[in-house]
Amino acid sequence: MTYQYSQHKAYMDLLRSRNEVPYVRSFPDNPAAGDRLVILPAEDTASTSRGRPIGPEYFDVNEKLAFMDVHGIDVSVISLANPWLDWLPSETAAEAARMINDDTEKLCADHEGRLYAFATLPLSASSGEIVREIERAAGLKHMRGIVMGSSGLGAGLDDPALDPVEYGHVLPLALGFPLETTIAVTRMLLAGVFDRFPKLNVMIAHSGGTLPFLAGRIESCIAHDAHLKKEGRIVNRRSLWDVLKSNIYLDAVIYADVGLKAAVDASGADRLMFGTDHPFFPPLDKGEKEWQSVTLNSNAVTSAFGEDTKAAEAVMGGNAMRILRLGSWSPLA
């Protein structure tokens, strides 16, 4: 499982044309300095270097394919990452999402069998436009789900305004940074999202953040919360353990076997999918081709499963082939 900002030149051009977060900062007087992606307000006010350096590995499909070849990766699922499209004006968001999703679909078709994708959503648009784009993207041959950040429409993934988006669409969501992921999913649990939509499937980044470690503590806190008990929200609710094993898939981007074993215990080896974090964390040494994000995560899988090569092979590719239907296609139900 790999993540990429966009193959869409127009998207990068739009970021380069902006001077407020998010934007790509260029240095015309010093081209050797390269571009920097600024996505956090604190980066925008930094007195030193702003944002993170970005190169063609963030948007050039040839770089993606070369990366895959170096590391023996046959198939990748690509998507936008932060800053997604949340910052677009509501009146232009839907058209931008359609353009990027169509472009990504064409990109996957041009490299048939090697690339699939998660669609991006116009989250600043109306809920009707968001749902229409989900329905439209579900009919695109190479789309295998949708990607969105942990803030949803700006009020979290437990926001009732997201109900029209979540209802009736068994689509995985790729969520953000580990702690934000933990908070976002716990809020969904407390708000009864998984009770209202028991067939909702969510794919959590970073092996579930801290959820595999804290699930027991979260369950204990819920069980001992007098306010929740008084409101009757403890009775007949689904536990986090049940949700982790029934509704949640995890990527295996945890970099060590200790965290990976916790993810396996929480959700099951059949719900884990290998990831690389590409294009983040490129090699620092000149001439180095292998990315530590690949080797560390693959070594973690090997170490975690030991002699159980069947389970390791499933995490390294078999689960993704099954769950995301890679290599075959039928319209999403």
C-alpha atoms as a PDB file:
ATOM      1  CA  MET A   1       0.000   0.000   0.000  1.00  0.00           C
ATOM      2  CA  THR A   2       1.589   3.287  -1.019  1.00  0.00           C
ATOM      3  CA  TYR A   3       0.425   6.870  -0.829  1.00  0.00           C
ATOM      4  CA  GLN A   4       1.155   9.695  -3.216  1.00  0.00           C
ATOM      5  CA  TYR A   5      -0.030  13.274  -3.422  1.00  0.00           C
ATOM      6  CA  SER A   6      -1.300  13.382  -6.966  1.00  0.00           C
ATOM      7  CA  GLN A   7      -0.255  12.568 -10.456  1.00  0.00           C
ATOM      8  CA  HIS A   8      -2.245  15.606 -11.576  1.00  0.00           C
ATOM      9  CA  LYS A   9      -0.081  18.453 -12.854  1.00  0.00           C
ATOM     10  CA  ALA A  10      -2.958  20.895 -12.403  1.00  0.00           C
ATOM     11  CA  TYR A  11      -3.084  20.070  -8.703  1.00  0.00           C
ATOM     12  CA  MET A  12       0.612  20.810  -8.242  1.00  0.00           C
ATOM     13  CA  ASP A  13       0.288  23.981 -10.336  1.00  0.00           C
ATOM     14  CA  LEU A  14      -2.563  25.095  -8.073  1.00  0.00           C
ATOM     15  CA  LEU A  15      -0.473  24.553  -4.951  1.00  0.00           C
ATOM     16  CA  ARG A  16       2.425  26.442  -6.521  1.00  0.00           C
ATOM     17  CA  SER A  17       0.174  29.390  -7.369  1.00  0.00           C
ATOM     18  CA  ARG A  18      -0.900  29.896  -3.738  1.00  0.00           C
ATOM     19  CA  ASN A  19       0.778  31.919  -0.983  1.00  0.00           C
ATOM     20  CA  GLU A  20      -1.256  30.658   1.969  1.00  0.00           C
ATOM     21  CA  VAL A  21      -1.455  27.220   3.579  1.00  0.00           C
ATOM     22  CA  PRO A  22      -1.456  24.822   1.845  1.00  0.00           C
ATOM     23  CA  TYR A  23       0.989  25.813  -0.881  1.00  0.00           C
ATOM     24  CA  VAL A  24       4.202  24.794  -2.597  1.00  0.00           C
ATOM     25  CA  ARG A  25       7.016  27.274  -2.089  1.00  0.00           C
ATOM     26  CA  SER A  26       9.518  27.655  -4.932  1.00  0.00           C
ATOM     27  CA  PHE A  27      12.805  29.559  -5.068  1.00  0.00           C
ATOM     28  CA  PRO A  28      13.203  31.140  -8.529  1.00  0.00           C
ATOM     29  CA  ASP A  29      16.485  32.786  -7.518  1.00  0.00           C
ATOM     30  CA  ASN A  30      17.864  29.473  -6.287  1.00  0.00           C
ATOM     31  CA  PRO A  31      16.422  26.579  -8.318  1.00  0.00           C
ATOM     32  CA  ALA A  32      18.836  24.164  -6.652  1.00  0.00           C
ATOM     33  CA  ALA A  33      16.898  24.657  -3.409  1.00  0.00           C
ATOM     34  CA  GLY A  34      13.943  22.789  -4.936  1.00  0.00           C
ATOM     35  CA  ASP A  35      10.310  23.075  -3.863  1.00  0.00           C
ATOM     36  CA  ARG A  36       8.891  22.854  -0.339  1.00  0.00           C
ATOM     37  CA  LEU A  37       5.381  21.780   0.596  1.00  0.00           C
ATOM     38  CA  VAL A  38       3.815  23.865   3.378  1.00  0.00           C
ATOM     39  CA  ILE A  39       0.738  22.266   4.926  1.00  0.00           C
ATOM     40  CA  LEU A  40       0.822  23.380   8.568  1.00  0.00           C
ATOM     41  CA  PRO A  41       0.276  26.951   9.857  1.00  0.00           C
ATOM     42  CA  ALA A  42       3.362  26.640  12.058  1.00  0.00           C
ATOM     43  CA  GLU A  43       5.459  25.905   8.993  1.00  0.00           C
ATOM     44  CA  ASP A  44       4.140  29.021   7.304  1.00  0.00           C
ATOM     45  CA  THR A  45       5.496  31.277  10.052  1.00  0.00           C
ATOM     46  CA  ALA A  46       8.820  29.494  10.562  1.00  0.00           C
ATOM     47  CA  SER A  47      11.819  31.775  10.460  1.00  0.00           C
ATOM     48  CA  THR A  48      13.989  29.074   8.872  1.00  0.00           C
ATOM     49  CA  SER A  49      13.072  26.557   6.176  1.00  0.00           C
ATOM     50  CA  ARG A  50       9.336  26.214   5.679  1.00  0.00           C
ATOM     51  CA  GLY A  51       7.566  22.965   4.924  1.00  0.00           C
ATOM     52  CA  ARG A  52       9.129  19.765   3.677  1.00  0.00           C
ATOM     53  CA  PRO A  53      11.302  19.344   0.569  1.00  0.00           C
ATOM     54  CA  ILE A  54       9.436  17.659  -2.268  1.00  0.00           C
ATOM     55  CA  GLY A  55      10.687  16.316  -5.550  1.00  0.00           C
ATOM     56  CA  PRO A  56       9.255  14.388  -8.492  1.00  0.00           C
ATOM     57  CA  GLU A  57       8.700  11.333  -6.294  1.00  0.00           C
ATOM     58  CA  TYR A  58       5.611  13.159  -4.995  1.00  0.00           C
ATOM     59  CA  PHE A  59       3.877  13.503  -8.359  1.00  0.00           C
ATOM     60  CA  ASP A  60       5.777  11.773 -11.190  1.00  0.00           C
ATOM     61  CA  VAL A  61       4.403   8.334 -12.033  1.00  0.00           C
ATOM     62  CA  ASN A  62       7.743   7.272 -13.494  1.00  0.00           C
ATOM     63  CA  GLU A  63       9.314   7.841 -10.087  1.00  0.00           C
ATOM     64  CA  LYS A  64       6.572   5.741  -8.496  1.00  0.00           C
ATOM     65  CA  LEU A  65       7.126   2.875 -10.926  1.00  0.00           C
ATOM     66  CA  ALA A  66      10.901   3.061 -10.487  1.00  0.00           C
ATOM     67  CA  PHE A  67      10.432   2.939  -6.705  1.00  0.00           C
ATOM     68  CA  MET A  68       8.223  -0.123  -7.076  1.00  0.00           C
ATOM     69  CA  ASP A  69      10.746  -1.860  -9.338  1.00  0.00           C
ATOM     70  CA  VAL A  70      13.653  -1.246  -6.946  1.00  0.00           C
ATOM     71  CA  HIS A  71      11.731  -2.774  -4.048  1.00  0.00           C
ATOM     72  CA  GLY A  72      10.018  -5.610  -5.905  1.00  0.00           C
ATOM     73  CA  ILE A  73       6.512  -4.162  -5.485  1.00  0.00           C
ATOM     74  CA  ASP A  74       4.147  -5.465  -8.148  1.00  0.00           C
ATOM     75  CA  VAL A  75       1.023  -3.424  -7.333  1.00  0.00           C
ATOM     76  CA  SER A  76       0.486  -0.102  -5.533  1.00  0.00           C
ATOM     77  CA  VAL A  77      -2.651   1.695  -4.396  1.00  0.00           C
ATOM     78  CA  ILE A  78      -2.093   5.447  -4.689  1.00  0.00           C
ATOM     79  CA  SER A  79      -3.971   8.442  -3.345  1.00  0.00           C
ATOM     80  CA  LEU A  80      -3.687  12.044  -2.326  1.00  0.00           C
ATOM     81  CA  ALA A  81      -2.371  12.712   1.146  1.00  0.00           C
ATOM     82  CA  ASN A  82      -2.523  15.823   3.331  1.00  0.00           C
ATOM     83  CA  PRO A  83      -3.602  18.513   2.218  1.00  0.00           C
ATOM     84  CA  TRP A  84      -6.252  16.557   0.249  1.00  0.00           C
ATOM     85  CA  LEU A  85      -8.904  19.000  -1.095  1.00  0.00           C
ATOM     86  CA  ASP A  86     -10.452  20.248   2.152  1.00  0.00           C
ATOM     87  CA  TRP A  87      -9.172  23.788   1.630  1.00  0.00           C
ATOM     88  CA  LEU A  88     -10.843  24.411  -1.736  1.00  0.00           C
ATOM     89  CA  PRO A  89     -13.752  26.879  -2.017  1.00  0.00           C
ATOM     90  CA  SER A  90     -17.057  24.993  -1.908  1.00  0.00           C
ATOM     91  CA  GLU A  91     -18.052  26.163  -5.382  1.00  0.00           C
ATOM     92  CA  THR A  92     -14.973  24.652  -7.064  1.00  0.00           C
ATOM     93  CA  ALA A  93     -14.315  21.581  -4.901  1.00  0.00           C
ATOM     94  CA  ALA A  94     -16.579  19.110  -6.704  1.00  0.00           C
ATOM     95  CA  GLU A  95     -15.134  19.864 -10.135  1.00  0.00           C
ATOM     96  CA  ALA A  96     -11.564  19.641  -8.802  1.00  0.00           C
ATOM     97  CA  ALA A  97     -12.292  16.242  -7.243  1.00  0.00           C
ATOM     98  CA  ARG A  98     -13.792  14.945 -10.495  1.00  0.00           C
ATOM     99  CA  MET A  99     -10.796  16.184 -12.465  1.00  0.00           C
ATOM    100  CA  ILE A 100      -8.253  14.595 -10.123  1.00  0.00           C
ATOM    101  CA  ASN A 101     -10.151  11.319  -9.825  1.00  0.00           C
ATOM    102  CA  ASP A 102     -10.535  11.043 -13.604  1.00  0.00           C
ATOM    103  CA  ASP A 103      -6.875  11.840 -14.106  1.00  0.00           C
ATOM    104  CA  THR A 104      -5.851   9.241 -11.524  1.00  0.00           C
ATOM    105  CA  GLU A 105      -8.129   6.667 -13.137  1.00  0.00           C
ATOM    106  CA  LYS A 106      -6.475   7.302 -16.506  1.00  0.00           C
ATOM    107  CA  LEU A 107      -3.057   7.021 -14.897  1.00  0.00           C
ATOM    108  CA  CYS A 108      -3.943   3.615 -13.481  1.00  0.00           C
ATOM    109  CA  ALA A 109      -5.348   2.503 -16.825  1.00  0.00           C
ATOM    110  CA  ASP A 110      -2.140   3.585 -18.559  1.00  0.00           C
ATOM    111  CA  HIS A 111      -0.252   1.243 -16.223  1.00  0.00           C
ATOM    112  CA  GLU A 112      -2.809  -1.543 -16.122  1.00  0.00           C
ATOM    113  CA  GLY A 113      -2.292  -4.065 -13.357  1.00  0.00           C
ATOM    114  CA  ARG A 114       0.345  -2.057 -11.496  1.00  0.00           C
ATOM    115  CA  LEU A 115      -1.642   0.879 -10.080  1.00  0.00           C
ATOM    116  CA  TYR A 116      -4.984   1.215  -8.326  1.00  0.00           C
ATOM    117  CA  ALA A 117      -6.247   4.179  -6.333  1.00  0.00           C
ATOM    118  CA  PHE A 118      -8.376   5.654  -3.583  1.00  0.00           C
ATOM    119  CA  ALA A 119     -10.599   8.502  -4.789  1.00  0.00           C
ATOM    120  CA  THR A 120     -10.471  11.957  -3.231  1.00  0.00           C
ATOM    121  CA  LEU A 121     -13.597  13.796  -2.077  1.00  0.00           C
ATOM    122  CA  PRO A 122     -14.697  17.444  -2.311  1.00  0.00           C
ATOM    123  CA  LEU A 123     -15.265  17.727   1.443  1.00  0.00           C
ATOM    124  CA  SER A 124     -15.839  21.493   1.342  1.00  0.00           C
ATOM    125  CA  ALA A 125     -18.754  20.982  -1.085  1.00  0.00           C
ATOM    126  CA  SER A 126     -22.317  20.064  -0.131  1.00  0.00           C
ATOM    127  CA  SER A 127     -23.055  16.587   1.210  1.00  0.00           C
ATOM    128  CA  GLY A 128     -25.027  15.884  -1.967  1.00  0.00           C
ATOM    129  CA  GLU A 129     -22.023  16.652  -4.157  1.00  0.00           C
ATOM    130  CA  ILE A 130     -19.781  14.528  -1.937  1.00  0.00           C
ATOM    131  CA  VAL A 131     -22.127  11.539  -2.180  1.00  0.00           C
ATOM    132  CA  ARG A 132     -22.447  11.963  -5.949  1.00  0.00           C
ATOM    133  CA  GLU A 133     -18.658  11.865  -6.320  1.00  0.00           C
ATOM    134  CA  ILE A 134     -18.484   8.720  -4.174  1.00  0.00           C
ATOM    135  CA  GLU A 135     -21.102   7.073  -6.376  1.00  0.00           C
ATOM    136  CA  ARG A 136     -19.351   8.200  -9.544  1.00  0.00           C
ATOM    137  CA  ALA A 137     -15.898   7.110  -8.343  1.00  0.00           C
ATOM    138  CA  ALA A 138     -17.299   3.736  -7.302  1.00  0.00           C
ATOM    139  CA  GLY A 139     -17.935   3.040 -10.988  1.00  0.00           C
ATOM    140  CA  LEU A 140     -14.365   3.790 -12.046  1.00  0.00           C
ATOM    141  CA  LYS A 141     -12.485   0.594 -12.789  1.00  0.00           C
ATOM    142  CA  HIS A 142      -9.358   1.199 -10.726  1.00  0.00           C
ATOM    143  CA  MET A 143     -10.822   2.932  -7.667  1.00  0.00           C
ATOM    144  CA  ARG A 144     -10.740   0.790  -4.548  1.00  0.00           C
ATOM    145  CA  GLY A 145     -12.073   3.195  -1.928  1.00  0.00           C
ATOM    146  CA  ILE A 146     -11.906   6.796  -0.808  1.00  0.00           C
ATOM    147  CA  VAL A 147      -9.333   8.729   1.225  1.00  0.00           C
ATOM    148  CA  MET A 148     -10.068  11.479   3.723  1.00  0.00           C
ATOM    149  CA  GLY A 149      -8.436  13.082   6.713  1.00  0.00           C
ATOM    150  CA  SER A 150      -9.383  12.642  10.348  1.00  0.00           C
ATOM    151  CA  SER A 151     -11.245  15.969  10.491  1.00  0.00           C
ATOM    152  CA  GLY A 152     -13.931  14.859   8.030  1.00  0.00           C
ATOM    153  CA  LEU A 153     -16.010  17.903   7.163  1.00  0.00           C
ATOM    154  CA  GLY A 154     -14.132  19.869   9.812  1.00  0.00           C
ATOM    155  CA  ALA A 155     -15.887  18.507  12.893  1.00  0.00           C
ATOM    156  CA  GLY A 156     -14.430  14.997  13.089  1.00  0.00           C
ATOM    157  CA  LEU A 157     -15.443  11.647  11.648  1.00  0.00           C
ATOM    158  CA  ASP A 158     -18.263  11.334  14.190  1.00  0.00           C
ATOM    159  CA  ASP A 159     -19.996  14.415  12.710  1.00  0.00           C
ATOM    160  CA  PRO A 160     -23.648  13.503  11.915  1.00  0.00           C
ATOM    161  CA  ALA A 161     -23.277  15.547   8.714  1.00  0.00           C
ATOM    162  CA  LEU A 162     -21.101  12.691   7.435  1.00  0.00           C
ATOM    163  CA  ASP A 163     -23.913  10.146   7.740  1.00  0.00           C
ATOM    164  CA  PRO A 164     -24.955  10.537   4.077  1.00  0.00           C
ATOM    165  CA  VAL A 165     -21.342   9.891   3.102  1.00  0.00           C
ATOM    166  CA  GLU A 166     -20.912   6.813   5.295  1.00  0.00           C
ATOM    167  CA  TYR A 167     -24.287   5.199   4.777  1.00  0.00           C
ATOM    168  CA  GLY A 168     -24.546   2.523   2.095  1.00  0.00           C
ATOM    169  CA  HIS A 169     -20.938   2.699   0.917  1.00  0.00           C
ATOM    170  CA  VAL A 170     -18.654  -0.046   2.104  1.00  0.00           C
ATOM    171  CA  LEU A 171     -15.531   1.934   1.310  1.00  0.00           C
ATOM    172  CA  PRO A 172     -12.220   2.082   3.171  1.00  0.00           C
ATOM    173  CA  LEU A 173     -10.969   5.369   4.540  1.00  0.00           C
ATOM    174  CA  ALA A 174      -7.305   6.134   4.858  1.00  0.00           C
ATOM    175  CA  LEU A 175      -6.827   8.275   7.940  1.00  0.00           C
ATOM    176  CA  GLY A 176      -4.115  10.576   9.188  1.00  0.00           C
ATOM    177  CA  PHE A 177      -1.407  10.628  11.789  1.00  0.00           C
ATOM    178  CA  PRO A 178      -1.348   8.059  14.593  1.00  0.00           C
ATOM    179  CA  LEU A 179      -2.720  10.079  17.502  1.00  0.00           C
ATOM    180  CA  GLU A 180      -5.262  11.885  15.358  1.00  0.00           C
ATOM    181  CA  THR A 181      -6.307   8.480  14.062  1.00  0.00           C
ATOM    182  CA  THR A 182      -6.797   7.137  17.578  1.00  0.00           C
ATOM    183  CA  ILE A 183      -8.888  10.131  18.624  1.00  0.00           C
ATOM    184  CA  ALA A 184     -10.929  10.169  15.422  1.00  0.00           C
ATOM    185  CA  VAL A 185     -11.871   6.485  15.564  1.00  0.00           C
ATOM    186  CA  THR A 186     -12.611   6.630  19.308  1.00  0.00           C
ATOM    187  CA  ARG A 187     -14.931   9.567  18.677  1.00  0.00           C
ATOM    188  CA  MET A 188     -16.675   7.535  15.989  1.00  0.00           C
ATOM    189  CA  LEU A 189     -17.094   4.692  18.473  1.00  0.00           C
ATOM    190  CA  LEU A 190     -18.467   6.968  21.214  1.00  0.00           C
ATOM    191  CA  ALA A 191     -20.860   8.612  18.780  1.00  0.00           C
ATOM    192  CA  GLY A 192     -22.264   5.237  17.735  1.00  0.00           C
ATOM    193  CA  VAL A 193     -21.139   5.503  14.101  1.00  0.00           C
ATOM    194  CA  PHE A 194     -20.314   1.791  13.934  1.00  0.00           C
ATOM    195  CA  ASP A 195     -23.635   0.958  15.612  1.00  0.00           C
ATOM    196  CA  ARG A 196     -25.550   2.973  13.035  1.00  0.00           C
ATOM    197  CA  PHE A 197     -23.517   1.647  10.110  1.00  0.00           C
ATOM    198  CA  PRO A 198     -22.418  -1.891  11.041  1.00  0.00           C
ATOM    199  CA  LYS A 199     -21.163  -2.619   7.516  1.00  0.00           C
ATOM    200  CA  LEU A 200     -18.913   0.439   7.288  1.00  0.00           C
ATOM    201  CA  ASN A 201     -15.335  -0.599   6.501  1.00  0.00           C
ATOM    202  CA  VAL A 202     -12.523   1.753   7.484  1.00  0.00           C
ATOM    203  CA  MET A 203      -8.850   1.373   6.682  1.00  0.00           C
ATOM    204  CA  ILE A 204      -6.668   2.944   9.353  1.00  0.00           C
ATOM    205  CA  ALA A 205      -3.173   4.229   8.626  1.00  0.00           C
ATOM    206  CA  HIS A 206      -0.112   3.632  10.811  1.00  0.00           C
ATOM    207  CA  SER A 207      -1.400   0.235  11.987  1.00  0.00           C
ATOM    208  CA  GLY A 208      -4.265   1.905  13.804  1.00  0.00           C
ATOM    209  CA  GLY A 209      -2.265   4.583  15.580  1.00  0.00           C
ATOM    210  CA  THR A 210      -2.367   3.665  19.270  1.00  0.00           C
ATOM    211  CA  LEU A 211      -5.717   1.857  19.090  1.00  0.00           C
ATOM    212  CA  PRO A 212      -4.245  -1.671  19.342  1.00  0.00           C
ATOM    213  CA  PHE A 213      -2.405  -0.648  22.520  1.00  0.00           C
ATOM    214  CA  LEU A 214      -5.180   1.423  24.111  1.00  0.00           C
ATOM    215  CA  ALA A 215      -8.318  -0.522  23.154  1.00  0.00           C
ATOM    216  CA  GLY A 216      -8.561  -2.125  26.584  1.00  0.00           C
ATOM    217  CA  ARG A 217      -8.123   1.194  28.365  1.00  0.00           C
ATOM    218  CA  ILE A 218     -10.690   2.863  26.108  1.00  0.00           C
ATOM    219  CA  GLU A 219     -13.191   0.080  26.803  1.00  0.00           C
ATOM    220  CA  SER A 220     -12.598   0.367  30.546  1.00  0.00           C
ATOM    221  CA  CYS A 221     -13.084   4.136  30.512  1.00  0.00           C
ATOM    222  CA  ILE A 222     -16.344   3.774  28.599  1.00  0.00           C
ATOM    223  CA  ALA A 223     -17.628   1.085  30.967  1.00  0.00           C
ATOM    224  CA  HIS A 224     -16.880   3.282  33.997  1.00  0.00           C
ATOM    225  CA  ASP A 225     -18.244   6.544  32.601  1.00  0.00           C
ATOM    226  CA  ALA A 226     -21.289   7.561  34.662  1.00  0.00           C
ATOM    227  CA  HIS A 227     -22.432  10.107  32.077  1.00  0.00           C
ATOM    228  CA  LEU A 228     -22.510   7.540  29.269  1.00  0.00           C
ATOM    229  CA  LYS A 229     -24.304   5.068  31.538  1.00  0.00           C
ATOM    230  CA  LYS A 230     -26.903   7.663  32.512  1.00  0.00           C
ATOM    231  CA  GLU A 231     -27.576   8.391  28.846  1.00  0.00           C
ATOM    232  CA  GLY A 232     -27.991   4.681  28.160  1.00  0.00           C
ATOM    233  CA  ARG A 233     -25.112   4.637  25.685  1.00  0.00           C
ATOM    234  CA  ILE A 234     -23.281   1.749  27.325  1.00  0.00           C
ATOM    235  CA  VAL A 235     -26.073  -0.800  26.885  1.00  0.00           C
ATOM    236  CA  ASN A 236     -26.169  -2.808  23.639  1.00  0.00           C
ATOM    237  CA  ARG A 237     -23.268  -0.936  22.093  1.00  0.00           C
ATOM    238  CA  ARG A 238     -20.541  -2.609  20.052  1.00  0.00           C
ATOM    239  CA  SER A 239     -17.160  -2.832  21.726  1.00  0.00           C
ATOM    240  CA  LEU A 240     -13.980  -1.448  20.231  1.00  0.00           C
ATOM    241  CA  TRP A 241     -12.611  -5.003  20.132  1.00  0.00           C
ATOM    242  CA  ASP A 242     -15.543  -6.072  17.956  1.00  0.00           C
ATOM    243  CA  VAL A 243     -15.139  -3.046  15.668  1.00  0.00           C
ATOM    244  CA  LEU A 244     -11.395  -3.679  15.290  1.00  0.00           C
ATOM    245  CA  LYS A 245     -12.050  -7.239  14.133  1.00  0.00           C
ATOM    246  CA  SER A 246     -15.117  -6.535  11.984  1.00  0.00           C
ATOM    247  CA  ASN A 247     -14.989  -3.011  10.542  1.00  0.00           C
ATOM    248  CA  ILE A 248     -11.373  -1.932  10.553  1.00  0.00           C
ATOM    249  CA  TYR A 249      -8.462  -2.797   8.298  1.00  0.00           C
ATOM    250  CA  LEU A 250      -4.942  -1.704   9.199  1.00  0.00           C
ATOM    251  CA  ASP A 251      -1.905  -0.927   7.128  1.00  0.00           C
ATOM    252  CA  ALA A 252       1.362  -2.445   8.353  1.00  0.00           C
ATOM    253  CA  VAL A 253       3.304   0.826   8.451  1.00  0.00           C
ATOM    254  CA  ILE A 254       4.606   0.518  12.003  1.00  0.00           C
ATOM    255  CA  TYR A 255       8.336  -0.125  11.354  1.00  0.00           C
ATOM    256  CA  ALA A 256       8.832  -2.740  14.103  1.00  0.00           C
ATOM    257  CA  ASP A 257       7.488  -6.167  14.978  1.00  0.00           C
ATOM    258  CA  VAL A 258       6.314  -5.092  18.473  1.00  0.00           C
ATOM    259  CA  GLY A 259       3.699  -2.691  17.116  1.00  0.00           C
ATOM    260  CA  LEU A 260       2.816  -5.061  14.293  1.00  0.00           C
ATOM    261  CA  LYS A 261       2.108  -7.910  16.716  1.00  0.00           C
ATOM    262  CA  ALA A 262      -0.247  -5.617  18.635  1.00  0.00           C
ATOM    263  CA  ALA A 263      -2.063  -4.792  15.398  1.00  0.00           C
ATOM    264  CA  VAL A 264      -2.361  -8.504  14.581  1.00  0.00           C
ATOM    265  CA  ASP A 265      -3.721  -9.252  18.063  1.00  0.00           C
ATOM    266  CA  ALA A 266      -6.242  -6.422  17.803  1.00  0.00           C
ATOM    267  CA  SER A 267      -7.589  -6.922  14.283  1.00  0.00           C
ATOM    268  CA  GLY A 268      -6.190 -10.200  12.941  1.00  0.00           C
ATOM    269  CA  ALA A 269      -3.513 -11.013  10.394  1.00  0.00           C
ATOM    270  CA  ASP A 270      -6.171 -11.251   7.682  1.00  0.00           C
ATOM    271  CA  ARG A 271      -6.961  -7.516   8.088  1.00  0.00           C
ATOM    272  CA  LEU A 272      -3.407  -6.138   7.741  1.00  0.00           C
ATOM    273  CA  MET A 273      -1.928  -4.779   4.501  1.00  0.00           C
ATOM    274  CA  PHE A 274       1.717  -3.929   3.854  1.00  0.00           C
ATOM    275  CA  GLY A 275       2.570  -0.256   3.343  1.00  0.00           C
ATOM    276  CA  THR A 276       5.642   1.783   2.450  1.00  0.00           C
ATOM    277  CA  ASP A 277       4.918   5.427   3.414  1.00  0.00           C
ATOM    278  CA  HIS A 278       6.205   6.388  -0.043  1.00  0.00           C
ATOM    279  CA  PRO A 279       6.964   9.150  -1.040  1.00  0.00           C
ATOM    280  CA  PHE A 280       7.818  10.209   2.532  1.00  0.00           C
ATOM    281  CA  PHE A 281      11.232   9.546   4.085  1.00  0.00           C
ATOM    282  CA  PRO A 282      13.407   9.220   0.976  1.00  0.00           C
ATOM    283  CA  PRO A 283      17.010   7.949   1.268  1.00  0.00           C
ATOM    284  CA  LEU A 284      19.380  10.588   2.629  1.00  0.00           C
ATOM    285  CA  ASP A 285      22.629   9.245   1.210  1.00  0.00           C
ATOM    286  CA  LYS A 286      23.549  10.171  -2.351  1.00  0.00           C
ATOM    287  CA  GLY A 287      23.163   7.275  -4.749  1.00  0.00           C
ATOM    288  CA  GLU A 288      21.172   5.185  -2.297  1.00  0.00           C
ATOM    289  CA  LYS A 289      18.211   3.543  -4.022  1.00  0.00           C
ATOM    290  CA  GLU A 290      16.512   1.464  -1.338  1.00  0.00           C
ATOM    291  CA  TRP A 291      14.083   3.205   1.016  1.00  0.00           C
ATOM    292  CA  GLN A 292      14.251   2.260   4.699  1.00  0.00           C
ATOM    293  CA  SER A 293      10.477   2.627   4.921  1.00  0.00           C
ATOM    294  CA  VAL A 294      10.190  -0.458   2.718  1.00  0.00           C
ATOM    295  CA  THR A 295      12.919  -2.565   4.284  1.00  0.00           C
ATOM    296  CA  LEU A 296      11.994  -1.769   7.901  1.00  0.00           C
ATOM    297  CA  ASN A 297       8.310  -2.529   7.361  1.00  0.00           C
ATOM    298  CA  SER A 298       8.963  -5.712   5.398  1.00  0.00           C
ATOM    299  CA  ASN A 299      11.508  -6.856   8.024  1.00  0.00           C
ATOM    300  CA  ALA A 300       8.912  -6.179  10.722  1.00  0.00           C
ATOM    301  CA  VAL A 301       6.466  -8.482   8.938  1.00  0.00           C
ATOM    302  CA  THR A 302       9.088 -11.228   8.614  1.00  0.00           C
ATOM    303  CA  SER A 303      10.056 -10.906  12.275  1.00  0.00           C
ATOM    304  CA  ALA A 304       6.486 -10.722  13.589  1.00  0.00           C
ATOM    305  CA  PHE A 305       5.310 -13.882  11.836  1.00  0.00           C
ATOM    306  CA  GLY A 306       8.470 -15.964  12.055  1.00  0.00           C
ATOM    307  CA  GLU A 307       7.860 -19.361  10.461  1.00  0.00           C
ATOM    308  CA  ASP A 308       4.257 -18.540   9.583  1.00  0.00           C
ATOM    309  CA  THR A 309       5.141 -17.643   6.003  1.00  0.00           C
ATOM    310  CA  LYS A 310       1.529 -17.994   4.845  1.00  0.00           C
ATOM    311  CA  ALA A 311       0.390 -15.174   7.160  1.00  0.00           C
ATOM    312  CA  ALA A 312       3.398 -13.050   6.202  1.00  0.00           C
ATOM    313  CA  GLU A 313       2.666 -13.492   2.501  1.00  0.00           C
ATOM    314  CA  ALA A 314      -0.945 -12.485   3.120  1.00  0.00           C
ATOM    315  CA  VAL A 315       0.126  -9.241   4.816  1.00  0.00           C
ATOM    316  CA  MET A 316       2.718  -8.546   2.113  1.00  0.00           C
ATOM    317  CA  GLY A 317       0.164  -8.734  -0.690  1.00  0.00           C
ATOM    318  CA  GLY A 318      -2.488 -11.414  -0.445  1.00  0.00           C
ATOM    319  CA  ASN A 319      -4.787  -9.487   1.885  1.00  0.00           C
ATOM    320  CA  ALA A 320      -4.702  -6.372  -0.303  1.00  0.00           C
ATOM    321  CA  MET A 321      -5.433  -8.463  -3.399  1.00  0.00           C
ATOM    322  CA  ARG A 322      -8.480  -9.935  -1.647  1.00  0.00           C
ATOM    323  CA  ILE A 323      -9.772  -6.907   0.254  1.00  0.00           C
ATOM    324  CA  LEU A 324      -9.238  -4.313  -2.492  1.00  0.00           C
ATOM    325  CA  ARG A 325      -9.963  -6.714  -5.365  1.00  0.00           C
ATOM    326  CA  LEU A 326      -6.718  -5.953  -7.129  1.00  0.00           C
ATOM    327  CA  GLY A 327      -6.294  -7.645 -10.465  1.00  0.00           C
ATOM    328  CA  SER A 328     -10.032  -8.018 -11.003  1.00  0.00           C
ATOM    329  CA  TRP A 329     -12.896  -5.568 -11.046  1.00  0.00           C
ATOM    330  CA  SER A 330     -16.601  -5.258 -10.515  1.00  0.00           C
ATOM    331  CA  PRO A 331     -18.473  -2.026  -9.692  1.00  0.00           C
ATOM    332  CA  LEU A 332     -18.531  -1.243  -5.967  1.00  0.00           C
ATOM    333  CA  ALA A 333     -21.803  -2.180  -4.343  1.00  0.00           C
END
